[in-house]
Amino acid sequence: MSYDKRYSGRKFDEMRPIEAKIGVIKRADGSALFKIGETIAIAAVYGPRELHPRFLQNPETGILRCNYDMISFSVPERKRPGPSRRSVEISLVTEKALLPVLDLKQFPNAVIDVFIQIIQANSGTRCAGISAASLALANAGIPMKDLVSSVSVGKVGNKILIDLDKEEEDHEEATDIPIAITNRTKQITLLQLDGNINKKELLEALKLAKLGCEKIAKIQEKTLKDYYKNEHE
């Protein structure tokens, strides 16, 4: 099926407007807000702190725990409060997306908790959550080899496009591909695929994702630099 024009009027390679802030939750060890279009994610980091109960502790390394959830009023049809199967799955893939940039061997027997809340949703929530969590970890002063940025790409009809919104995700011929990439080394730390796509289309989507993540990476780095520059003035 032909898909000649995006519902939003955006170009196929055009992302929605992006905003990022850090230090948004004063009582957290680190925090960040990441907004892309109408999707808003807030991440808060607590730790490293001693892990309880003690039988869960690892004397050789620290543990990263991510907890992703959507606030009930984040979507038009009120979401049932509390974790769902989907939120548990996204929590786990978020951990896997962030772990490659962390050196947790410095924190034996400890845990770093990352809480991600989606306060407004219009697709791309797991990607916004990962981008927010990466910033929050940096804001908490957790040793990191790199930052992680994340964006969705996909196919709608016969077109490859970036940063799908809700209307595009709900299209009868939509393939959604959330991707996370490290900012400097360009390592892919998350790639999920829901739908049908051939090898050529996937390579085109990956190329688009790398360009999108480069743009997000610049915003992340500028957000961190501006915050610490202002703090020391």
Protein backbone atom coordinates (compact mmCIF):
# COMPACT_ATOMS: atom_id res chain seq x y z
CA MET A 1 0.00 0.00 0.00
CA SER A 2 1.34 3.44 -0.93
CA TYR A 3 1.98 5.92 1.90
CA ASP A 4 2.79 9.19 0.17
CA LYS A 5 2.47 11.74 2.96
CA ARG A 6 2.79 11.57 6.76
CA TYR A 7 -0.33 12.40 8.76
CA SER A 8 1.62 15.10 10.64
CA GLY A 9 3.03 16.68 7.47
CA ARG A 10 6.59 15.81 8.53
CA LYS A 11 9.17 14.59 6.01
CA PHE A 12 9.90 10.87 6.18
CA ASP A 13 13.33 11.55 7.73
CA GLU A 14 12.09 14.30 10.09
CA MET A 15 11.74 13.76 13.83
CA ARG A 16 9.33 15.60 16.08
CA PRO A 17 10.70 18.55 18.13
CA ILE A 18 12.96 17.42 21.00
CA GLU A 19 13.58 18.95 24.45
CA ALA A 20 15.78 17.69 27.27
CA LYS A 21 16.45 18.83 30.86
CA ILE A 22 18.39 17.37 33.77
CA GLY A 23 18.16 17.87 37.52
CA VAL A 24 14.36 17.97 37.40
CA ILE A 25 13.79 15.91 40.58
CA LYS A 26 15.77 17.44 43.45
CA ARG A 27 15.61 14.48 45.85
CA ALA A 28 16.91 11.99 43.28
CA ASP A 29 20.64 11.36 42.86
CA GLY A 30 20.15 12.20 39.18
CA SER A 31 17.16 12.95 36.98
CA ALA A 32 16.16 13.99 33.49
CA LEU A 33 13.20 14.89 31.33
CA PHE A 34 13.16 13.94 27.66
CA LYS A 35 10.39 15.12 25.37
CA ILE A 36 9.91 14.17 21.73
CA GLY A 37 6.77 15.54 20.16
CA GLU A 38 3.94 14.89 22.63
CA THR A 39 5.77 12.03 24.36
CA ILE A 40 7.35 13.02 27.70
CA ALA A 41 9.54 10.73 29.82
CA ILE A 42 10.96 11.54 33.25
CA ALA A 43 13.79 9.39 34.68
CA ALA A 44 15.07 9.40 38.27
CA VAL A 45 18.21 7.60 39.50
CA TYR A 46 18.77 6.47 43.09
CA GLY A 47 22.10 4.94 44.11
CA PRO A 48 24.46 3.29 44.08
CA ARG A 49 23.15 2.03 47.42
CA GLU A 50 23.35 -1.26 49.32
CA LEU A 51 21.08 -3.89 47.82
CA HIS A 52 18.48 -5.48 50.07
CA PRO A 53 17.65 -8.27 50.67
CA ARG A 54 21.29 -9.29 50.93
CA PHE A 55 20.91 -12.63 49.15
CA LEU A 56 20.38 -10.61 45.92
CA GLN A 57 23.78 -8.92 46.29
CA ASN A 58 26.64 -9.73 43.93
CA PRO A 59 30.09 -9.32 45.56
CA GLU A 60 31.69 -8.88 42.13
CA THR A 61 29.49 -6.18 40.63
CA GLY A 62 26.63 -3.79 41.16
CA ILE A 63 23.17 -4.32 39.72
CA LEU A 64 21.13 -2.02 37.48
CA ARG A 65 17.35 -2.10 38.01
CA CYS A 66 15.08 -0.20 35.64
CA ASN A 67 11.42 0.36 36.33
CA TYR A 68 9.38 1.72 33.40
CA ASP A 69 5.74 2.67 33.77
CA MET A 70 3.14 4.93 32.20
CA ILE A 71 1.10 7.22 34.43
CA SER A 72 -2.64 6.49 34.18
CA PHE A 73 -3.44 9.86 32.56
CA SER A 74 -0.57 9.67 30.03
CA VAL A 75 -2.87 8.25 27.34
CA PRO A 76 -6.38 9.30 26.19
CA GLU A 77 -7.96 6.07 27.45
CA ARG A 78 -6.98 5.94 31.13
CA LYS A 79 -4.38 3.24 31.79
CA ARG A 80 -4.88 0.85 34.68
CA PRO A 81 -2.43 1.84 37.46
CA GLY A 82 0.54 -0.41 38.24
CA PRO A 83 2.94 -2.55 36.21
CA SER A 84 1.75 -4.54 33.20
CA ARG A 85 3.37 -7.27 31.14
CA ARG A 86 4.40 -4.59 28.64
CA SER A 87 5.99 -2.34 31.28
CA VAL A 88 7.96 -5.29 32.72
CA GLU A 89 9.26 -6.14 29.22
CA ILE A 90 10.24 -2.51 28.52
CA SER A 91 11.97 -2.29 31.93
CA LEU A 92 14.14 -5.28 30.97
CA VAL A 93 15.02 -4.03 27.47
CA THR A 94 15.89 -0.63 28.97
CA GLU A 95 18.35 -2.31 31.34
CA LYS A 96 19.93 -4.19 28.42
CA ALA A 97 20.16 -0.97 26.37
CA LEU A 98 22.00 0.90 29.17
CA LEU A 99 24.25 -1.80 30.66
CA PRO A 100 26.94 -1.70 27.91
CA VAL A 101 27.93 1.89 28.88
CA LEU A 102 28.11 1.26 32.65
CA ASP A 103 30.98 -0.19 34.70
CA LEU A 104 29.13 -1.64 37.67
CA LYS A 105 32.16 -3.59 38.96
CA GLN A 106 33.01 -0.43 40.90
CA PHE A 107 29.89 -0.98 43.04
CA PRO A 108 29.92 -4.56 44.43
CA ASN A 109 26.85 -5.54 46.48
CA ALA A 110 25.10 -2.33 45.39
CA VAL A 111 22.13 -1.44 43.24
CA ILE A 112 21.40 1.52 40.98
CA ASP A 113 17.67 2.04 40.56
CA VAL A 114 16.31 3.91 37.54
CA PHE A 115 12.63 4.84 37.61
CA ILE A 116 11.12 5.94 34.29
CA GLN A 117 7.66 7.48 34.21
CA ILE A 118 5.87 8.37 30.98
CA ILE A 119 3.73 11.35 31.89
CA GLN A 120 2.41 11.93 28.35
CA ALA A 121 2.40 9.40 25.52
CA ASN A 122 2.20 9.59 21.75
CA SER A 123 4.37 6.62 20.68
CA GLY A 124 8.12 6.15 21.09
CA THR A 125 7.80 5.89 24.87
CA ARG A 126 10.49 3.24 25.42
CA CYS A 127 12.92 5.24 23.25
CA ALA A 128 12.19 8.47 25.14
CA GLY A 129 12.61 6.56 28.41
CA ILE A 130 16.05 5.23 27.40
CA SER A 131 17.24 8.69 26.29
CA ALA A 132 15.98 10.18 29.57
CA ALA A 133 17.54 7.39 31.68
CA SER A 134 20.94 7.84 30.02
CA LEU A 135 20.88 11.55 30.89
CA ALA A 136 19.71 10.85 34.45
CA LEU A 137 22.56 8.37 35.03
CA ALA A 138 25.06 10.96 33.82
CA ASN A 139 23.44 13.58 36.07
CA ALA A 140 23.80 11.17 39.03
CA GLY A 141 27.55 10.98 38.40
CA ILE A 142 27.49 7.26 37.62
CA PRO A 143 30.72 6.36 35.73
CA MET A 144 29.74 5.91 32.07
CA LYS A 145 31.81 5.02 29.02
CA ASP A 146 29.26 6.66 26.74
CA LEU A 147 25.71 7.99 26.56
CA VAL A 148 22.85 6.11 24.91
CA SER A 149 20.28 7.70 22.61
CA SER A 150 17.19 6.00 21.25
CA VAL A 151 14.63 6.53 18.50
CA SER A 152 12.04 4.48 16.65
CA VAL A 153 12.17 3.91 12.91
CA GLY A 154 9.88 1.80 10.82
CA LYS A 155 7.90 1.15 7.71
CA VAL A 156 4.41 2.46 7.02
CA GLY A 157 2.92 1.19 3.78
CA ASN A 158 5.86 1.28 1.38
CA LYS A 159 7.89 4.05 3.09
CA ILE A 160 10.72 3.95 5.65
CA LEU A 161 10.40 6.73 8.21
CA ILE A 162 11.70 7.92 11.56
CA ASP A 163 10.00 8.63 14.89
CA LEU A 164 6.58 7.09 14.30
CA ASP A 165 3.64 8.76 16.02
CA LYS A 166 0.47 7.05 17.24
CA GLU A 167 -1.43 7.36 13.94
CA GLU A 168 1.50 5.79 12.07
CA GLU A 169 1.97 3.02 14.66
CA ASP A 170 -1.73 2.16 14.32
CA HIS A 171 -1.57 2.03 10.51
CA GLU A 172 -2.65 -1.40 9.24
CA GLU A 173 0.70 -1.83 7.43
CA ALA A 174 3.10 -0.50 10.09
CA THR A 175 6.39 -2.01 11.22
CA ASP A 176 7.87 -0.40 14.34
CA ILE A 177 11.61 -0.74 15.14
CA PRO A 178 12.84 0.82 18.43
CA ILE A 179 16.63 1.26 18.32
CA ALA A 180 19.18 2.47 20.88
CA ILE A 181 22.75 3.44 19.94
CA THR A 182 25.77 4.54 21.98
CA ASN A 183 26.69 8.12 21.15
CA ARG A 184 30.42 7.83 20.43
CA THR A 185 31.06 4.18 19.50
CA LYS A 186 27.77 3.76 17.57
CA GLN A 187 27.12 0.36 19.16
CA ILE A 188 23.52 -0.82 18.80
CA THR A 189 22.30 -1.75 22.30
CA LEU A 190 18.63 -2.26 21.43
CA LEU A 191 16.89 -3.39 18.26
CA GLN A 192 13.35 -4.71 18.40
CA LEU A 193 11.19 -5.41 15.38
CA ASP A 194 7.44 -5.72 15.29
CA GLY A 195 6.11 -6.34 11.78
CA ASN A 196 7.40 -7.32 8.34
CA ILE A 197 10.41 -5.80 6.65
CA ASN A 198 13.03 -7.03 4.16
CA LYS A 199 16.83 -6.76 4.47
CA LYS A 200 17.15 -3.71 2.20
CA GLU A 201 14.42 -1.85 4.10
CA LEU A 202 15.97 -2.77 7.46
CA LEU A 203 19.36 -1.41 6.40
CA GLU A 204 17.67 1.80 5.24
CA ALA A 205 15.86 2.04 8.59
CA LEU A 206 19.13 1.50 10.51
CA LYS A 207 20.81 4.27 8.53
CA LEU A 208 17.93 6.61 9.39
CA ALA A 209 18.09 5.58 13.07
CA LYS A 210 21.80 6.40 13.26
CA LEU A 211 21.16 9.88 11.88
CA GLY A 212 18.30 10.39 14.35
CA CYS A 213 20.37 9.18 17.30
CA GLU A 214 23.22 11.50 16.29
CA LYS A 215 20.81 14.43 16.56
CA ILE A 216 19.55 13.22 19.97
CA ALA A 217 23.16 12.70 21.12
CA LYS A 218 24.01 16.34 20.36
CA ILE A 219 20.97 17.49 22.36
CA GLN A 220 21.94 15.20 25.27
CA GLU A 221 25.52 16.48 25.32
CA LYS A 222 24.46 20.13 25.07
CA THR A 223 21.94 19.62 27.90
CA LEU A 224 24.66 18.23 30.19
CA LYS A 225 27.22 20.91 29.28
CA ASP A 226 24.74 23.77 29.74
CA TYR A 227 23.56 22.41 33.11
CA TYR A 228 27.04 22.11 34.62
CA LYS A 229 28.20 25.37 33.05
CA ASN A 230 25.28 27.23 34.66
CA GLU A 231 25.81 25.42 37.95
CA HIS A 232 29.40 26.66 38.20
CA GLU A 233 28.76 30.24 37.19
